[in-house]
Protein backbone atom coordinates (compact mmCIF):
# COMPACT_ATOMS: atom_id res chain seq x y z
CA UNK A 1 191.52 54.15 137.62
CA UNK A 2 195.14 54.28 136.44
CA UNK A 3 195.88 57.44 138.44
CA UNK A 4 194.36 55.98 141.62
CA UNK A 5 196.45 52.84 141.23
CA UNK A 6 199.63 54.90 140.75
CA UNK A 7 198.96 56.96 143.89
CA UNK A 8 198.22 53.86 145.93
CA UNK A 9 201.37 52.09 144.75
CA UNK A 10 203.61 55.09 145.37
CA UNK A 11 202.50 55.07 148.99
CA UNK A 12 202.89 51.29 149.26
CA UNK A 13 206.48 51.61 148.04
CA UNK A 14 207.24 54.30 150.61
CA UNK A 15 207.91 56.99 148.03
CA UNK A 16 208.87 60.34 149.55
CA UNK A 17 206.61 62.09 147.07
CA UNK A 18 203.75 64.54 147.39
CA UNK A 19 201.05 63.35 145.00
CA UNK A 20 198.11 65.43 143.80
CA UNK A 21 195.33 63.96 141.63
CA UNK A 22 193.40 66.41 139.45
CA UNK A 23 190.08 65.17 138.05
CA UNK A 24 187.36 66.90 136.11
CA UNK A 25 184.59 64.75 137.58
CA UNK A 26 183.10 65.64 140.98
CA UNK A 27 183.68 62.13 142.33
CA UNK A 28 186.90 60.66 143.67
CA UNK A 29 188.43 57.92 141.46
CA UNK A 30 186.16 54.92 140.96
CA UNK A 31 186.04 51.60 139.12
CA UNK A 32 184.40 52.30 135.75
CA UNK A 33 184.21 48.59 134.93
CA UNK A 34 181.40 48.23 137.49
CA UNK A 35 179.18 51.07 136.26
CA UNK A 36 176.63 48.75 134.64
CA UNK A 37 176.06 47.10 138.02
CA UNK A 38 175.32 50.52 139.51
CA UNK A 39 172.63 50.84 136.85
CA UNK A 40 170.99 47.59 137.98
CA UNK A 41 171.25 48.59 141.65
CA UNK A 42 173.64 45.79 142.57
CA UNK A 43 176.27 48.35 143.60
CA UNK A 44 175.93 51.83 145.04
CA UNK A 45 178.16 54.52 143.51
CA UNK A 46 180.14 54.64 146.75
CA UNK A 47 180.98 50.93 146.36
CA UNK A 48 183.07 51.77 143.29
CA UNK A 49 185.51 54.07 145.12
CA UNK A 50 189.20 53.26 144.65
CA UNK A 51 191.93 53.81 147.26
CA UNK A 52 194.42 56.57 146.47
CA UNK A 53 196.80 56.31 149.41
CA UNK A 54 197.79 59.65 150.90
CA UNK A 55 197.34 61.54 147.65
CA UNK A 56 195.69 64.96 147.70
CA UNK A 57 192.47 64.86 145.67
CA UNK A 58 191.38 67.84 143.56
CA UNK A 59 188.01 66.70 142.19
CA UNK A 60 186.01 68.96 139.90
CA UNK A 61 189.34 70.47 138.86
CA UNK A 62 189.83 70.04 135.14
CA UNK A 63 193.33 70.72 133.81
CA UNK A 64 192.99 72.80 130.63
CA UNK A 65 196.61 73.62 129.74
CA UNK A 66 200.16 72.36 130.27
CA UNK A 67 203.54 73.99 129.97
CA UNK A 68 205.98 71.09 130.04
CA UNK A 69 209.01 73.39 129.75
CA UNK A 70 208.03 75.46 132.80
CA UNK A 71 206.45 72.37 134.42
CA UNK A 72 203.18 74.09 135.21
CA UNK A 73 199.54 73.24 134.66
CA UNK A 74 196.49 75.48 134.44
CA UNK A 75 193.05 74.60 135.78
CA UNK A 76 189.66 75.58 134.37
CA UNK A 77 189.21 78.12 137.18
CA UNK A 78 192.48 79.83 136.23
CA UNK A 79 194.51 78.40 139.10
CA UNK A 80 198.05 77.25 138.24
CA UNK A 81 200.28 74.64 139.84
CA UNK A 82 203.92 73.59 139.50
CA UNK A 83 205.12 70.01 139.38
CA UNK A 84 208.32 67.97 139.21
CA UNK A 85 206.84 65.01 137.33
CA UNK A 86 203.56 64.89 135.44
CA UNK A 87 201.50 61.77 134.73
CA UNK A 88 198.69 62.03 132.20
CA UNK A 89 195.91 59.55 132.95
CA UNK A 90 193.19 61.35 131.02
CA UNK A 91 191.33 58.21 129.96
CA UNK A 92 189.06 58.09 126.93
CA UNK A 93 185.81 59.52 125.58
CA UNK A 94 182.93 57.60 124.00
CA UNK A 95 183.05 57.38 120.21
CA UNK A 96 180.05 58.96 118.49
CA UNK A 97 178.94 56.95 115.45
CA UNK A 98 177.99 58.71 112.18
CA UNK A 99 174.26 58.70 112.96
CA UNK A 100 171.82 61.25 111.57
CA UNK A 101 169.73 62.87 114.25
CA UNK A 102 172.20 62.67 117.14
CA UNK A 103 171.73 66.32 118.07
CA UNK A 104 168.76 68.55 118.78
CA UNK A 105 168.39 71.98 117.18
CA UNK A 106 170.34 73.63 120.01
CA UNK A 107 173.29 71.27 119.52
CA UNK A 108 172.61 69.16 122.61
CA UNK A 109 172.12 65.41 122.56
CA UNK A 110 168.62 64.28 121.72
CA UNK A 111 166.41 63.43 124.71
CA UNK A 112 166.60 59.70 125.33
CA UNK A 113 170.13 59.36 123.92
CA UNK A 114 172.88 58.25 126.31
CA UNK A 115 176.50 57.16 126.67
CA UNK A 116 177.69 55.10 129.62
CA UNK A 117 181.17 56.15 130.65
CA UNK A 118 180.82 57.96 133.97
CA UNK A 119 178.75 57.83 137.14
CA UNK A 120 176.94 60.95 135.94
CA UNK A 121 176.05 59.11 132.71
CA UNK A 122 174.80 56.22 134.81
CA UNK A 123 172.57 58.44 136.94
CA UNK A 124 171.01 60.07 133.86
CA UNK A 125 170.46 56.70 132.18
CA UNK A 126 168.87 55.19 135.29
CA UNK A 127 166.44 58.11 135.58
CA UNK A 128 165.48 57.83 131.91
CA UNK A 129 165.15 54.04 132.02
CA UNK A 130 162.60 54.32 134.84
CA UNK A 131 160.00 55.74 132.40
CA UNK A 132 161.22 54.25 129.10
CA UNK A 133 159.42 51.46 127.21
CA UNK A 134 161.99 50.04 124.78
CA UNK A 135 165.77 50.40 124.45
CA UNK A 136 168.31 50.02 121.67
CA UNK A 137 172.04 49.68 122.34
CA UNK A 138 174.28 50.64 119.41
CA UNK A 139 177.45 48.55 119.71
CA UNK A 140 178.01 44.94 120.74
CA UNK A 141 181.36 45.10 122.51
CA UNK A 142 181.95 44.64 126.24
CA UNK A 143 180.21 47.89 127.18
CA UNK A 144 177.28 47.32 124.82
CA UNK A 145 176.63 43.81 126.10
CA UNK A 146 176.96 44.98 129.72
CA UNK A 147 174.60 47.92 129.16
CA UNK A 148 172.03 45.73 127.40
CA UNK A 149 172.13 43.17 130.19
CA UNK A 150 171.68 45.92 132.79
CA UNK A 151 168.72 47.51 130.99
CA UNK A 152 167.08 44.10 130.57
CA UNK A 153 167.50 43.53 134.31
CA UNK A 154 165.48 46.74 134.82
CA UNK A 155 162.65 45.17 132.84
CA UNK A 156 163.13 46.88 129.47
CA UNK A 157 162.94 45.03 126.14
CA UNK A 158 166.38 45.63 124.62
CA UNK A 159 167.86 45.26 121.13
CA UNK A 160 171.58 45.45 120.26
CA UNK A 161 172.66 46.74 116.84
CA UNK A 162 176.22 45.73 116.03
CA UNK A 163 177.97 46.25 112.71
CA UNK A 164 180.64 43.64 113.45
CA UNK A 165 180.35 40.01 112.30
CA UNK A 166 179.30 38.91 115.78
CA UNK A 167 179.19 40.18 119.36
CA UNK A 168 182.44 40.86 121.17
CA UNK A 169 184.56 40.03 118.11
CA UNK A 170 187.58 41.66 119.73
CA UNK A 171 187.61 38.89 122.35
CA UNK A 172 185.45 35.97 121.21
CA UNK A 173 185.31 33.60 118.25
CA UNK A 174 182.03 33.10 116.41
CA UNK A 175 180.98 30.04 118.44
CA UNK A 176 181.55 31.77 121.78
CA UNK A 177 179.73 34.88 120.55
CA UNK A 178 176.74 32.72 119.52
CA UNK A 179 176.59 31.30 123.05
CA UNK A 180 176.62 34.84 124.50
CA UNK A 181 173.90 35.85 122.06
CA UNK A 182 171.71 32.96 123.19
CA UNK A 183 172.29 33.89 126.82
CA UNK A 184 171.17 37.44 126.03
CA UNK A 185 168.03 36.14 124.33
CA UNK A 186 167.13 34.33 127.55
CA UNK A 187 167.50 37.66 129.36
CA UNK A 188 165.21 39.43 126.90
CA UNK A 189 167.85 40.98 124.63
CA UNK A 190 167.67 40.60 120.84
CA UNK A 191 170.80 41.12 118.75
CA UNK A 192 171.30 42.28 115.17
CA UNK A 193 174.93 41.70 114.11
CA UNK A 194 176.25 42.77 110.70
CA UNK A 195 173.89 45.74 110.91
CA UNK A 196 174.71 49.44 111.01
CA UNK A 197 172.57 52.06 112.68
CA UNK A 198 172.00 54.86 110.16
CA UNK A 199 169.73 57.40 111.88
CA UNK A 200 167.81 58.26 115.02
CA UNK A 201 164.11 58.90 114.52
CA UNK A 202 161.80 61.22 116.43
CA UNK A 203 161.33 64.91 117.03
CA UNK A 204 162.14 66.21 120.52
CA UNK A 205 162.81 62.71 121.87
CA UNK A 206 164.32 59.62 120.30
CA UNK A 207 161.56 57.41 118.90
CA UNK A 208 163.55 54.74 117.13
CA UNK A 209 166.67 53.70 115.23
CA UNK A 210 166.73 53.18 111.47
CA UNK A 211 169.24 50.62 110.22
CA UNK A 212 171.20 50.80 106.98
CA UNK A 213 168.93 48.05 105.64
CA UNK A 214 165.93 50.34 106.11
CA UNK A 215 164.52 48.42 109.05
CA UNK A 216 163.29 50.55 111.95
CA UNK A 217 163.61 49.57 115.61
CA UNK A 218 161.20 51.38 117.92
CA UNK A 219 162.87 52.78 121.02
CA UNK A 220 162.51 55.74 123.36
CA UNK A 221 165.94 55.11 124.92
CA UNK A 222 169.17 54.63 122.96
CA UNK A 223 172.62 53.89 124.41
CA UNK A 224 175.72 54.50 122.30
CA UNK A 225 178.39 51.89 123.06
CA UNK A 226 180.62 52.20 119.99
CA UNK A 227 183.95 52.11 121.77
CA UNK A 228 186.14 54.86 123.17
CA UNK A 229 188.84 57.17 121.86
CA UNK A 230 191.86 58.26 123.98
CA UNK A 231 191.59 61.78 125.38
CA UNK A 232 194.65 63.43 123.85
CA UNK A 233 193.58 67.08 123.46
CA UNK A 234 195.53 68.31 126.47
CA UNK A 235 198.69 66.49 125.37
CA UNK A 236 198.32 67.64 121.76
CA UNK A 237 197.93 71.28 122.78
CA UNK A 238 201.09 70.97 124.88
CA UNK A 239 203.07 69.69 121.89
CA UNK A 240 203.45 66.13 123.19
CA UNK A 241 203.63 63.22 120.70
CA UNK A 242 200.14 62.00 119.83
CA UNK A 243 198.99 59.26 117.47
CA UNK A 244 195.88 57.33 118.37
CA UNK A 245 196.89 57.97 121.96
CA UNK A 246 199.67 59.81 123.78
CA UNK A 247 202.77 58.05 122.51
CA UNK A 248 205.05 56.68 125.24
CA UNK A 249 208.25 54.64 125.27
CA UNK A 250 209.06 51.63 127.43
CA UNK A 251 209.55 53.92 130.45
CA UNK A 252 206.01 55.25 129.81
CA UNK A 253 207.49 58.70 129.14
CA UNK A 254 206.27 60.97 126.36
CA UNK A 255 208.68 63.82 127.24
CA UNK A 256 211.23 64.50 130.01
CA UNK A 257 209.43 64.31 133.34
CA UNK A 258 206.11 63.62 131.56
CA UNK A 259 204.37 60.24 131.42
CA UNK A 260 201.08 58.76 130.24
CA UNK A 261 199.29 55.64 131.49
CA UNK A 262 195.92 53.96 131.03
CA UNK A 263 193.37 54.43 128.28
CA UNK A 264 195.04 57.58 126.94
CA UNK A 265 198.47 55.97 126.39
CA UNK A 266 199.75 54.47 123.13
CA UNK A 267 202.69 52.08 123.54
CA UNK A 268 204.43 50.55 120.54
CA UNK A 269 201.44 51.44 118.37
CA UNK A 270 198.87 49.87 120.70
CA UNK A 271 196.19 51.50 122.84
CA UNK A 272 195.06 48.78 125.24
CA UNK A 273 191.91 50.30 126.74
CA UNK A 274 191.60 47.67 129.50
CA UNK A 275 192.02 47.77 133.25
CA UNK A 276 194.85 45.24 133.59
CA UNK A 277 197.35 47.03 131.30
CA UNK A 278 196.49 50.35 132.97
CA UNK A 279 197.22 48.93 136.41
CA UNK A 280 200.40 47.25 135.22
CA UNK A 281 201.57 50.56 133.77
CA UNK A 282 200.75 52.32 137.03
CA UNK A 283 202.67 49.67 139.02
CA UNK A 284 205.74 49.97 136.81
CA UNK A 285 205.73 53.76 136.86
CA UNK A 286 205.38 53.73 140.64
CA UNK A 287 208.50 51.57 140.86
CA UNK A 288 210.40 53.98 138.63
CA UNK A 289 209.27 57.20 140.31
CA UNK A 290 209.72 55.85 143.83
CA UNK A 291 213.24 54.62 143.06
CA UNK A 292 212.30 51.03 143.94
CA UNK A 293 213.18 49.98 140.36
CA UNK A 294 214.37 53.02 138.39
CA UNK A 295 215.30 50.89 135.38
CA UNK A 296 211.92 49.12 135.06
CA UNK A 297 210.51 49.01 131.55
CA UNK A 298 207.06 48.09 130.25
CA UNK A 299 206.80 45.78 127.27
CA UNK A 300 203.09 45.01 127.38
CA UNK A 301 200.47 43.00 129.26
CA UNK A 302 198.76 39.73 128.44
CA UNK A 303 195.16 40.26 129.43
CA UNK A 304 192.11 38.16 130.19
CA UNK A 305 188.80 39.64 129.07
CA UNK A 306 186.08 38.61 131.48
CA UNK A 307 182.43 39.37 132.15
CA UNK A 308 180.53 37.76 135.01
CA UNK A 309 177.02 39.05 135.52
CA UNK A 310 174.50 36.55 136.86
CA UNK A 311 173.57 34.11 134.08
CA UNK A 312 175.78 35.88 131.55
CA UNK A 313 179.48 35.13 131.86
CA UNK A 314 182.47 34.66 129.61
CA UNK A 315 186.25 34.67 129.71
CA UNK A 316 188.66 34.91 126.79
CA UNK A 317 192.43 35.12 126.46
CA UNK A 318 195.15 34.89 123.82
CA UNK A 319 194.51 34.41 120.11
CA UNK A 320 191.01 34.16 118.72
CA UNK A 321 191.81 32.95 115.23
CA UNK A 322 193.82 29.72 115.27
CA UNK A 323 197.13 29.71 113.32
CA UNK A 324 197.45 27.12 110.59
CA UNK A 325 199.78 24.96 112.71
CA UNK A 326 197.52 25.01 115.80
CA UNK A 327 194.91 22.57 117.07
CA UNK A 328 191.45 23.63 118.24
CA UNK A 329 189.50 21.83 120.95
CA UNK A 330 185.86 22.90 121.17
CA UNK A 331 182.93 21.77 123.33
CA UNK A 332 179.41 23.20 123.27
CA UNK A 333 176.28 22.39 125.24
CA UNK A 334 173.20 24.23 123.97
CA UNK A 335 171.06 22.85 126.80
CA UNK A 336 173.28 24.35 129.51
CA UNK A 337 174.22 27.34 127.37
CA UNK A 338 177.96 26.63 127.66
CA UNK A 339 180.77 26.86 125.13
CA UNK A 340 184.44 26.09 125.63
CA UNK A 341 187.27 26.43 123.12
CA UNK A 342 191.03 26.06 123.38
CA UNK A 343 193.67 26.86 120.76
CA UNK A 344 196.82 24.80 121.31
CA UNK A 345 200.19 24.28 119.75
CA UNK A 346 201.38 20.99 121.16
CA UNK A 347 200.73 21.13 124.90
CA UNK A 348 200.91 24.95 125.08
CA UNK A 349 197.88 27.21 125.13
CA UNK A 350 197.71 29.97 122.52
CA UNK A 351 194.24 31.12 123.51
CA UNK A 352 190.85 30.15 124.76
CA UNK A 353 187.24 31.18 125.29
CA UNK A 354 184.73 30.02 127.88
CA UNK A 355 181.05 30.98 127.97
CA UNK A 356 178.52 30.00 130.62
CA UNK A 357 180.89 28.00 132.83
CA UNK A 358 184.09 29.62 134.05
CA UNK A 359 185.13 26.89 136.49
CA UNK A 360 188.41 26.31 134.67
CA UNK A 361 189.09 29.90 133.60
CA UNK A 362 191.64 30.53 136.35
CA UNK A 363 193.63 27.34 135.68
CA UNK A 364 193.66 27.83 131.92
CA UNK A 365 194.50 31.53 131.99
CA UNK A 366 197.39 30.93 134.40
CA UNK A 367 198.77 28.22 132.12
CA UNK A 368 198.55 30.65 129.21
CA UNK A 369 200.08 33.57 131.10
CA UNK A 370 202.97 31.46 132.39
CA UNK A 371 203.48 29.58 129.13
CA UNK A 372 203.45 26.22 130.89
CA UNK A 373 202.13 22.95 129.45
CA UNK A 374 198.52 21.97 130.04
CA UNK A 375 199.29 18.25 130.18
CA UNK A 376 198.53 15.38 127.83
CA UNK A 377 194.75 15.64 128.25
CA UNK A 378 193.53 19.27 127.94
CA UNK A 379 189.99 17.95 127.55
CA UNK A 380 190.01 17.11 131.27
CA UNK A 381 190.50 20.81 132.06
CA UNK A 382 187.34 21.71 130.18
CA UNK A 383 185.31 19.07 132.00
CA UNK A 384 186.04 20.23 135.55
CA UNK A 385 183.00 20.58 137.87
CA UNK A 386 181.33 23.99 137.51
CA UNK A 387 182.24 26.69 140.01
CA UNK A 388 179.63 28.43 142.21
CA UNK A 389 177.82 31.29 140.49
CA UNK A 390 179.27 34.76 140.99
CA UNK A 391 177.97 38.21 140.14
CA UNK A 392 180.55 40.86 139.40
CA UNK A 393 181.47 42.78 136.29
CA UNK A 394 185.15 42.88 135.52
CA UNK A 395 187.21 44.01 132.61
CA UNK A 396 190.59 42.43 131.87
CA UNK A 397 192.36 40.66 134.76
CA UNK A 398 192.36 42.77 137.92
């Protein structure tokens, strides 16, 4: 996604640059944030395609080695190419939890075990879900909740196992997470927070998940949604600076003529792993490389986490835990399944979370992003008439 955005922006800025995108997947760049909706059938894979401007696409062409001194790269088929500037947008891989029974005797994944990171993953999961009877999702973050909702929409009973204190703890406070949990229950999804999956049961095929408490959840389909880890192997082998991700400065450079953006990049100790920072990085780098703003520097992105999928929707921004000198305004309606919370210091928003009614999400998030006052009566913002229902899955603030 980050690479596609960069190519598109370079063309929009009129850069006199020949751009080639190398990707290991057979598909052209696509919007990964919408994969769960491909699983439900709401979107076709082709609907996820991203524009790349006039860039030359080399799909199915994995880069396996870099020589940053000679400015050459080597592909899996042995082909080599020279470049003037290199941008690493290698993304991230799913994290595998320490579960017993992940692998079959031949070292392959157990039958019935899935990740959900690519369109190929989605196709395999959809085929398996068509004959499955029960599903367990390990992980209750954005991807885990999205996957569980999608599988439930296919008619499967679904259970989420999450070792965190509550669902989506990276984005939501406990009250907002409870509202999401109740919405999932209405969709046919049960949730087990503060629980750790210990082992997969079954012989040739997954038959269940055993928790650390000893409880066993029957399932013939298991989805691992335990987060992602930046893909840094290529950069590390080339001698580039690597921590959690490929370490870049405020110009997004990790070496002369070498840059990293998106899920693989670590900036000032932070790996963002969201769409909005990746696109902001791509926009800034396009301005630098095109000459439109050669002195541009990236200092970070303030992001809105958002999920809108039929009856399940939430938005969250800013701080989750309220500082000691802040005020908290909270409204909940169990009947309607809504929850709204604002964290304020005076008339300035520090953060907020909305579940089940996002009518005011745009107004509140803009006030937070721009640092402007919300007025003397923030309660009135939470009581605005509800917006029409929408169905789209989005990550961050594209």
